[in-house]
């Protein structure tokens, strides 16, 4: 069965996370993603985050599934010539280098567009290619700080906190994948490629658009509220047996949910109690209500609470830690957690593709070893023989 993006060729120069998460999801959906890396070390993520020298890091493995890897020295004139040949044969080129890197090799966008007018050129930068911040480097936490996420994360009176999920990196990658697909569709109508640009700061600002609405009302910065969404029931509650992650988050947004919660707790009388009979009363007596909820949740595990309230129609989620995610039966049934066989590390459980297409099911494959597909790709795309490839390897070109 053809995959949704079968036939789409992507030359992937990305490293670390913001770019690699973009090309990974495109690879999951069927694009042929050819990861181009420097000979010797490759993507810095392979070795900077590994706990065992000589083995690719889990960080790299998690972000480069379903890709092919080739090596090429872009500082070498022969390498640059081979690179331009490859550019002429692909649909998309993706890069997230520091500003000016490709230009320093004489391989900027204008040169690549001349080589392939149909090329879709994706560039991911911390702050984009123009604007007062455009020369500044960025990582996930920089984007989260400058995009507003840190300012709204934490408890009242506490310093700003970096949210745990890497929305500055992977969040940017998802936005970038959307841009690539939009440009690919437009190319089908116009026949012309174009530059797609995504700034990490911009992506985080997009995630902050809903919390930002408070500023329109008050004309002041939105303040940190911890785990609460506002007055009333929207918080975490401790569960048995009382470990670090034994919590649930529950939320009621209307009176029907409040009554259902009271019934599920075996306390239907609380729904009519004057202290809690309406949202204003519950907000006024919030601490007393929280104590009652904590008393009930403490008698059950987080999974029991989630099941009881879920079946009662009350939004509730157990706080699952990372090990629980990897072992979660629901995620495994949905193939959001899958097992792969890595050529060096063996069997690994990793998150799969969060996008499901009925006619294009995703088969998650292991991230490639460095240069694993040199012979395959250079033979297919540039017609190079094994002897030519060996010579280029000896000469440090690949």
Protein backbone atom coordinates (compact mmCIF):
# COMPACT_ATOMS: atom_id res chain seq x y z
CA UNK A 1 0.00 0.00 0.00
CA UNK A 2 1.36 3.42 -0.97
CA UNK A 3 1.95 5.79 1.92
CA UNK A 4 0.39 9.25 1.91
CA UNK A 5 3.71 10.95 1.06
CA UNK A 6 5.14 8.18 -1.13
CA UNK A 7 7.36 9.66 -3.83
CA UNK A 8 8.25 12.79 -1.86
CA UNK A 9 12.03 13.03 -1.46
CA UNK A 10 13.45 15.14 1.37
CA UNK A 11 17.10 16.01 1.85
CA UNK A 12 17.39 16.43 5.61
CA UNK A 13 20.26 18.56 6.92
CA UNK A 14 18.62 19.12 10.30
CA UNK A 15 20.20 18.33 13.65
CA UNK A 16 19.20 18.20 17.30
CA UNK A 17 15.38 18.43 17.61
CA UNK A 18 13.47 21.31 16.03
CA UNK A 19 14.28 20.17 12.49
CA UNK A 20 14.58 16.43 13.06
CA UNK A 21 11.10 16.23 14.61
CA UNK A 22 9.72 17.85 11.44
CA UNK A 23 11.39 15.43 9.03
CA UNK A 24 10.59 12.45 11.26
CA UNK A 25 6.84 12.98 11.07
CA UNK A 26 7.11 13.44 7.29
CA UNK A 27 9.06 10.17 7.15
CA UNK A 28 6.39 8.43 9.23
CA UNK A 29 3.81 9.57 6.70
CA UNK A 30 5.77 8.02 3.84
CA UNK A 31 8.28 10.58 2.56
CA UNK A 32 11.75 9.30 1.68
CA UNK A 33 13.83 11.33 4.13
CA UNK A 34 17.55 11.20 3.39
CA UNK A 35 19.46 12.51 6.37
CA UNK A 36 22.69 14.14 5.21
CA UNK A 37 25.39 14.21 7.90
CA UNK A 38 29.05 15.13 8.11
CA UNK A 39 31.51 12.20 7.91
CA UNK A 40 32.95 11.10 11.21
CA UNK A 41 30.53 12.54 13.74
CA UNK A 42 27.24 13.19 12.00
CA UNK A 43 24.31 14.89 13.72
CA UNK A 44 25.63 16.22 17.03
CA UNK A 45 22.61 14.65 18.71
CA UNK A 46 24.06 11.21 17.97
CA UNK A 47 26.91 11.60 20.44
CA UNK A 48 26.35 14.67 22.64
CA UNK A 49 23.51 13.02 24.57
CA UNK A 50 24.69 9.40 24.67
CA UNK A 51 25.44 7.64 27.95
CA UNK A 52 27.67 5.10 26.15
CA UNK A 53 30.44 6.45 23.89
CA UNK A 54 30.30 4.81 20.49
CA UNK A 55 26.54 4.20 20.56
CA UNK A 56 23.93 6.53 19.08
CA UNK A 57 22.03 8.34 21.82
CA UNK A 58 18.41 7.59 22.63
CA UNK A 59 17.85 11.28 21.89
CA UNK A 60 18.91 10.69 18.28
CA UNK A 61 17.00 7.42 17.97
CA UNK A 62 13.77 9.04 19.18
CA UNK A 63 13.97 11.83 16.59
CA UNK A 64 15.19 10.06 13.46
CA UNK A 65 12.97 7.04 12.91
CA UNK A 66 12.14 5.97 9.34
CA UNK A 67 15.01 7.94 7.75
CA UNK A 68 17.99 6.96 5.61
CA UNK A 69 21.46 8.32 6.45
CA UNK A 70 24.23 9.42 4.11
CA UNK A 71 27.46 11.29 4.83
CA UNK A 72 28.89 14.18 2.82
CA UNK A 73 31.57 16.77 3.48
CA UNK A 74 30.09 20.14 2.49
CA UNK A 75 33.44 21.87 3.04
CA UNK A 76 34.92 19.88 0.14
CA UNK A 77 34.38 21.15 -3.42
CA UNK A 78 33.51 17.66 -4.65
CA UNK A 79 31.11 17.31 -1.77
CA UNK A 80 29.45 20.59 -2.71
CA UNK A 81 29.09 19.45 -6.32
CA UNK A 82 27.51 16.17 -5.19
CA UNK A 83 25.24 18.12 -2.86
CA UNK A 84 23.91 20.26 -5.72
CA UNK A 85 23.26 17.10 -7.74
CA UNK A 86 21.22 15.73 -4.85
CA UNK A 87 19.34 19.02 -4.46
CA UNK A 88 18.33 18.76 -8.11
CA UNK A 89 16.72 15.37 -7.46
CA UNK A 90 14.69 16.07 -4.29
CA UNK A 91 11.45 17.88 -3.52
CA UNK A 92 12.36 19.36 -0.16
CA UNK A 93 15.53 20.47 1.61
CA UNK A 94 15.30 21.03 5.37
CA UNK A 95 17.91 22.73 7.54
CA UNK A 96 18.10 24.30 11.00
CA UNK A 97 21.73 25.42 11.05
CA UNK A 98 22.87 28.58 12.79
CA UNK A 99 22.19 31.67 10.67
CA UNK A 100 24.60 31.92 7.72
CA UNK A 101 25.99 28.37 7.85
CA UNK A 102 24.96 27.18 4.38
CA UNK A 103 25.78 30.58 2.94
CA UNK A 104 29.34 30.19 4.24
CA UNK A 105 29.69 27.12 1.98
CA UNK A 106 28.31 29.03 -1.01
CA UNK A 107 25.12 26.98 -0.76
CA UNK A 108 22.52 29.55 0.26
CA UNK A 109 18.89 29.50 -0.82
CA UNK A 110 19.42 31.45 -4.05
CA UNK A 111 22.08 28.97 -5.21
CA UNK A 112 19.87 25.99 -4.36
CA UNK A 113 16.82 27.50 -6.00
CA UNK A 114 18.83 28.04 -9.18
CA UNK A 115 19.83 24.38 -9.10
CA UNK A 116 16.22 23.27 -8.61
CA UNK A 117 13.43 25.85 -9.15
CA UNK A 118 10.88 23.33 -7.81
CA UNK A 119 12.74 22.97 -4.51
CA UNK A 120 10.85 23.57 -1.28
CA UNK A 121 13.46 24.97 1.08
CA UNK A 122 12.63 24.69 4.78
CA UNK A 123 14.66 26.80 7.16
CA UNK A 124 14.14 26.69 10.92
CA UNK A 125 15.80 29.35 13.04
CA UNK A 126 15.43 30.45 16.62
CA UNK A 127 14.17 33.89 15.65
CA UNK A 128 13.83 33.66 11.88
CA UNK A 129 15.98 35.16 9.15
CA UNK A 130 14.92 38.77 9.68
CA UNK A 131 13.98 41.01 12.61
CA UNK A 132 16.06 42.44 15.49
CA UNK A 133 16.74 38.98 17.01
CA UNK A 134 17.49 37.16 13.76
CA UNK A 135 21.23 36.73 14.39
CA UNK A 136 20.71 35.16 17.82
CA UNK A 137 21.05 31.43 18.41
CA UNK A 138 18.33 29.52 20.22
CA UNK A 139 17.46 26.25 21.89
CA UNK A 140 14.16 24.97 23.20
CA UNK A 141 14.30 26.81 26.52
CA UNK A 142 15.26 30.09 24.82
CA UNK A 143 12.21 29.81 22.58
CA UNK A 144 10.03 28.97 25.58
CA UNK A 145 11.31 32.03 27.42
CA UNK A 146 10.94 34.47 24.53
CA UNK A 147 7.69 32.94 23.29
CA UNK A 148 5.86 33.49 26.57
CA UNK A 149 5.51 29.89 27.77
CA UNK A 150 7.81 30.29 30.79
CA UNK A 151 6.08 33.45 31.99
CA UNK A 152 2.76 31.62 32.45
CA UNK A 153 4.20 28.40 33.89
CA UNK A 154 4.66 27.97 37.64
CA UNK A 155 2.85 28.86 40.84
CA UNK A 156 1.81 32.33 42.01
CA UNK A 157 4.83 34.12 43.40
CA UNK A 158 7.29 31.56 42.02
CA UNK A 159 9.95 32.25 39.38
CA UNK A 160 8.97 31.35 35.79
CA UNK A 161 9.40 27.65 34.96
CA UNK A 162 10.37 25.89 31.74
CA UNK A 163 7.50 23.60 30.72
CA UNK A 164 8.68 20.00 30.55
CA UNK A 165 7.54 19.21 26.98
CA UNK A 166 9.89 20.61 24.33
CA UNK A 167 7.33 22.79 22.60
CA UNK A 168 10.08 25.14 21.45
CA UNK A 169 11.73 22.28 19.56
CA UNK A 170 9.25 19.58 18.60
CA UNK A 171 6.45 22.16 18.60
CA UNK A 172 8.41 24.09 15.99
CA UNK A 173 8.98 20.90 14.02
CA UNK A 174 5.27 20.19 13.78
CA UNK A 175 4.61 23.73 12.53
CA UNK A 176 7.41 23.27 9.99
CA UNK A 177 5.91 20.01 8.70
CA UNK A 178 2.63 21.83 8.12
CA UNK A 179 4.48 24.53 6.16
CA UNK A 180 6.25 21.96 3.99
CA UNK A 181 2.99 20.20 3.16
CA UNK A 182 1.29 23.50 2.30
CA UNK A 183 4.17 24.46 -0.02
CA UNK A 184 4.09 21.01 -1.64
CA UNK A 185 0.37 21.34 -2.36
CA UNK A 186 0.88 24.83 -3.78
CA UNK A 187 3.72 23.59 -5.98
CA UNK A 188 1.28 21.16 -7.53
CA UNK A 189 -0.71 24.16 -8.77
CA UNK A 190 2.14 26.55 -9.66
CA UNK A 191 5.01 24.23 -10.53
CA UNK A 192 7.33 26.39 -8.43
CA UNK A 193 9.06 25.74 -5.13
CA UNK A 194 9.46 28.30 -2.36
CA UNK A 195 11.13 29.01 0.96
CA UNK A 196 9.30 27.89 4.11
CA UNK A 197 10.46 29.60 7.28
CA UNK A 198 9.52 28.76 10.87
CA UNK A 199 11.00 30.55 13.87
CA UNK A 200 11.05 28.75 17.20
CA UNK A 201 9.89 31.85 19.06
CA UNK A 202 6.95 32.21 16.66
CA UNK A 203 5.86 28.60 17.22
CA UNK A 204 5.81 29.04 21.00
CA UNK A 205 3.83 32.29 20.70
CA UNK A 206 1.26 30.30 18.73
CA UNK A 207 0.94 27.85 21.64
CA UNK A 208 0.43 30.75 24.06
CA UNK A 209 -2.41 32.37 22.11
CA UNK A 210 -5.20 31.02 24.36
CA UNK A 211 -3.60 31.92 27.73
CA UNK A 212 -2.84 35.33 26.19
CA UNK A 213 -6.55 36.16 26.12
CA UNK A 214 -6.43 37.25 29.77
CA UNK A 215 -4.29 40.23 28.80
CA UNK A 216 -7.02 41.55 26.51
CA UNK A 217 -9.39 41.73 29.49
CA UNK A 218 -7.03 43.12 32.14
CA UNK A 219 -4.44 44.91 29.96
CA UNK A 220 -1.86 43.27 32.24
CA UNK A 221 0.46 40.26 31.89
CA UNK A 222 -1.14 36.87 32.47
CA UNK A 223 0.13 35.56 35.82
CA UNK A 224 1.19 32.07 36.86
CA UNK A 225 -1.61 29.95 38.32
CA UNK A 226 0.07 26.62 39.03
CA UNK A 227 -2.21 23.73 38.06
CA UNK A 228 -5.44 25.71 38.25
CA UNK A 229 -7.32 27.05 35.27
CA UNK A 230 -9.36 29.39 37.47
CA UNK A 231 -11.61 29.27 40.54
CA UNK A 232 -13.43 26.04 41.21
CA UNK A 233 -12.48 22.48 40.34
CA UNK A 234 -9.44 22.43 38.09
CA UNK A 235 -6.41 21.09 39.91
CA UNK A 236 -4.39 18.00 40.80
CA UNK A 237 -5.38 15.76 43.69
CA UNK A 238 -3.29 13.25 45.61
CA UNK A 239 -4.05 9.53 45.23
CA UNK A 240 -3.02 6.28 46.91
CA UNK A 241 -0.42 5.06 47.68
CA UNK A 242 1.02 8.56 47.81
CA UNK A 243 4.09 8.39 45.55
CA UNK A 244 5.61 11.29 43.67
CA UNK A 245 3.41 10.74 40.62
CA UNK A 246 0.26 9.53 42.36
CA UNK A 247 -2.00 12.38 41.29
CA UNK A 248 -4.95 12.99 39.03
CA UNK A 249 -6.05 16.18 37.36
CA UNK A 250 -9.79 16.71 37.31
CA UNK A 251 -11.94 19.42 35.85
CA UNK A 252 -15.62 20.34 35.88
CA UNK A 253 -16.92 22.99 33.51
CA UNK A 254 -20.67 22.86 34.13
CA UNK A 255 -23.24 21.88 36.74
CA UNK A 256 -23.92 18.49 35.14
CA UNK A 257 -20.26 17.53 35.59
CA UNK A 258 -20.32 18.79 39.18
CA UNK A 259 -23.35 16.66 40.02
CA UNK A 260 -21.78 13.66 38.28
CA UNK A 261 -18.62 14.14 40.34
CA UNK A 262 -20.58 14.23 43.58
CA UNK A 263 -22.42 11.03 42.61
CA UNK A 264 -19.21 9.24 41.60
CA UNK A 265 -17.69 10.12 44.98
CA UNK A 266 -20.70 8.65 46.75
CA UNK A 267 -21.55 12.13 48.06
CA UNK A 268 -24.57 13.25 45.99
CA UNK A 269 -25.67 15.56 48.80
CA UNK A 270 -22.70 17.85 48.14
CA UNK A 271 -24.33 19.03 44.91
CA UNK A 272 -27.03 20.81 46.90
CA UNK A 273 -24.79 21.90 49.81
CA UNK A 274 -24.99 25.73 50.01
CA UNK A 275 -21.17 25.88 50.23
CA UNK A 276 -20.83 24.26 46.79
CA UNK A 277 -24.21 24.71 45.12
CA UNK A 278 -22.97 27.00 42.33
CA UNK A 279 -19.66 28.11 40.80
CA UNK A 280 -19.47 31.28 42.89
CA UNK A 281 -19.99 29.33 46.12
CA UNK A 282 -17.44 26.70 45.13
CA UNK A 283 -14.88 29.41 44.36
CA UNK A 284 -15.50 31.05 47.73
CA UNK A 285 -15.12 27.74 49.58
CA UNK A 286 -12.43 26.34 47.31
CA UNK A 287 -10.05 25.20 50.07
CA UNK A 288 -12.81 23.30 51.88
CA UNK A 289 -13.88 21.67 48.62
CA UNK A 290 -10.30 20.75 47.73
CA UNK A 291 -9.92 19.03 51.11
CA UNK A 292 -13.02 16.91 50.44
CA UNK A 293 -11.76 15.95 47.00
CA UNK A 294 -8.30 15.09 48.33
CA UNK A 295 -9.88 12.95 51.05
CA UNK A 296 -11.76 10.95 48.42
CA UNK A 297 -8.95 10.58 45.88
CA UNK A 298 -6.55 9.48 48.63
CA UNK A 299 -8.66 6.34 49.05
CA UNK A 300 -8.05 5.24 45.44
CA UNK A 301 -5.17 4.88 43.01
CA UNK A 302 -4.93 7.42 40.22
CA UNK A 303 -6.01 4.78 37.71
CA UNK A 304 -9.08 3.93 39.79
CA UNK A 305 -10.03 7.61 40.09
CA UNK A 306 -9.62 8.11 36.35
CA UNK A 307 -11.79 5.07 35.62
CA UNK A 308 -14.51 6.02 38.10
CA UNK A 309 -14.78 9.61 36.94
CA UNK A 310 -14.24 8.79 33.27
CA UNK A 311 -17.22 6.42 33.30
CA UNK A 312 -19.24 9.10 35.14
CA UNK A 313 -18.54 11.69 32.44
CA UNK A 314 -16.18 13.82 34.51
CA UNK A 315 -12.94 14.88 32.76
CA UNK A 316 -10.07 13.35 34.72
CA UNK A 317 -6.56 12.22 33.86
CA UNK A 318 -4.05 10.19 35.83
CA UNK A 319 -0.63 11.85 35.95
CA UNK A 320 1.40 9.29 34.00
CA UNK A 321 5.17 9.33 34.30
CA UNK A 322 7.49 8.45 31.44
CA UNK A 323 7.85 4.77 32.38
CA UNK A 324 4.08 4.44 32.69
CA UNK A 325 3.71 5.95 29.24
CA UNK A 326 6.04 3.38 27.68
CA UNK A 327 4.07 0.57 29.33
CA UNK A 328 0.58 2.04 28.92
CA UNK A 329 -1.83 -0.50 27.34
CA UNK A 330 -4.01 2.19 25.75
CA UNK A 331 -1.04 3.83 24.01
CA UNK A 332 0.30 0.44 22.92
CA UNK A 333 -3.05 -0.60 21.46
CA UNK A 334 -3.13 2.67 19.51
CA UNK A 335 0.50 2.09 18.42
CA UNK A 336 1.56 5.37 19.95
CA UNK A 337 4.15 3.31 21.83
CA UNK A 338 5.86 0.71 19.62
CA UNK A 339 8.85 -1.61 19.80
CA UNK A 340 11.67 -1.26 17.29
CA UNK A 341 14.88 -3.21 16.74
CA UNK A 342 17.90 -0.89 16.65
CA UNK A 343 20.98 -2.35 14.92
CA UNK A 344 23.26 -1.44 17.83
CA UNK A 345 21.03 -1.11 20.88
CA UNK A 346 18.57 -3.92 20.21
CA UNK A 347 14.89 -3.75 21.15
CA UNK A 348 13.65 -0.32 22.22
CA UNK A 349 10.16 0.97 23.00
CA UNK A 350 9.61 4.43 21.51
CA UNK A 351 6.70 6.79 20.80
CA UNK A 352 5.25 6.33 17.33
CA UNK A 353 3.36 8.64 15.00
CA UNK A 354 0.55 10.70 16.60
CA UNK A 355 -1.19 11.17 13.23
CA UNK A 356 -3.26 8.26 11.98
CA UNK A 357 -4.38 7.99 8.37
CA UNK A 358 -6.85 5.23 7.53
CA UNK A 359 -5.32 4.45 4.12
CA UNK A 360 -1.70 5.05 5.13
CA UNK A 361 -0.86 3.17 8.34
CA UNK A 362 2.54 4.00 9.79
CA UNK A 363 5.22 1.38 10.25
CA UNK A 364 7.83 2.78 12.63
CA UNK A 365 11.40 1.84 11.66
CA UNK A 366 14.65 2.31 13.53
CA UNK A 367 16.77 5.43 13.16
CA UNK A 368 19.70 4.78 10.80
CA UNK A 369 23.35 4.36 11.71
CA UNK A 370 25.68 7.06 10.41
CA UNK A 371 26.13 6.68 6.66
CA UNK A 372 24.17 3.43 6.65
CA UNK A 373 22.64 4.18 3.24
CA UNK A 374 25.59 5.73 1.40
CA UNK A 375 25.84 2.96 -1.20
CA UNK A 376 22.09 2.74 -1.64
CA UNK A 377 21.38 6.47 -2.03
CA UNK A 378 24.46 7.50 -4.01
CA UNK A 379 24.07 4.47 -6.24
CA UNK A 380 20.40 5.17 -6.93
CA UNK A 381 20.47 8.96 -7.18
CA UNK A 382 23.95 9.78 -8.52
CA UNK A 383 24.83 6.48 -10.23
CA UNK A 384 28.09 6.08 -8.30
CA UNK A 385 29.76 2.67 -8.30
CA UNK A 386 31.05 0.88 -5.17
CA UNK A 387 34.64 1.70 -6.20
CA UNK A 388 33.84 5.38 -6.65
CA UNK A 389 32.19 5.43 -3.23
CA UNK A 390 35.19 3.76 -1.66
CA UNK A 391 37.49 6.34 -3.23
CA UNK A 392 35.32 9.20 -1.98
CA UNK A 393 35.32 7.69 1.52
CA UNK A 394 39.12 7.39 1.57
CA UNK A 395 39.40 11.00 0.36
CA UNK A 396 37.10 12.24 3.14
CA UNK A 397 34.32 13.39 0.81
CA UNK A 398 31.74 10.99 2.26
